[in-house]
Amino acid sequence: MSATDKRKQSLYFPETMLQEIQKEAARLDRSLSWIVQRCVKIGLSDIRKLPSVNDIPDSGEDEAAAS
């Protein structure tokens, strides 16, 4: 994907989170999109530390392991 690729994507945020993003956008005189992109860029390393769905055992596996 090139650096100038500008595909649109709809994102839905809880009202309180959207208000926080809007406040920061106004404070920094930036667009909502810019704020969200920076948040992802800054937080992506932390997000990558979260376990994936495949890393979390099913409840059935826990019971079988306990037997």
Foldseek 3Di string as FASTA:
>chain_A
DDPPDDDDDDDDDPPVVVVVLVVVCVVVVHDSVVSVVVCCVVCVVVVVPDDDPVVDDDPVVVVVVVD
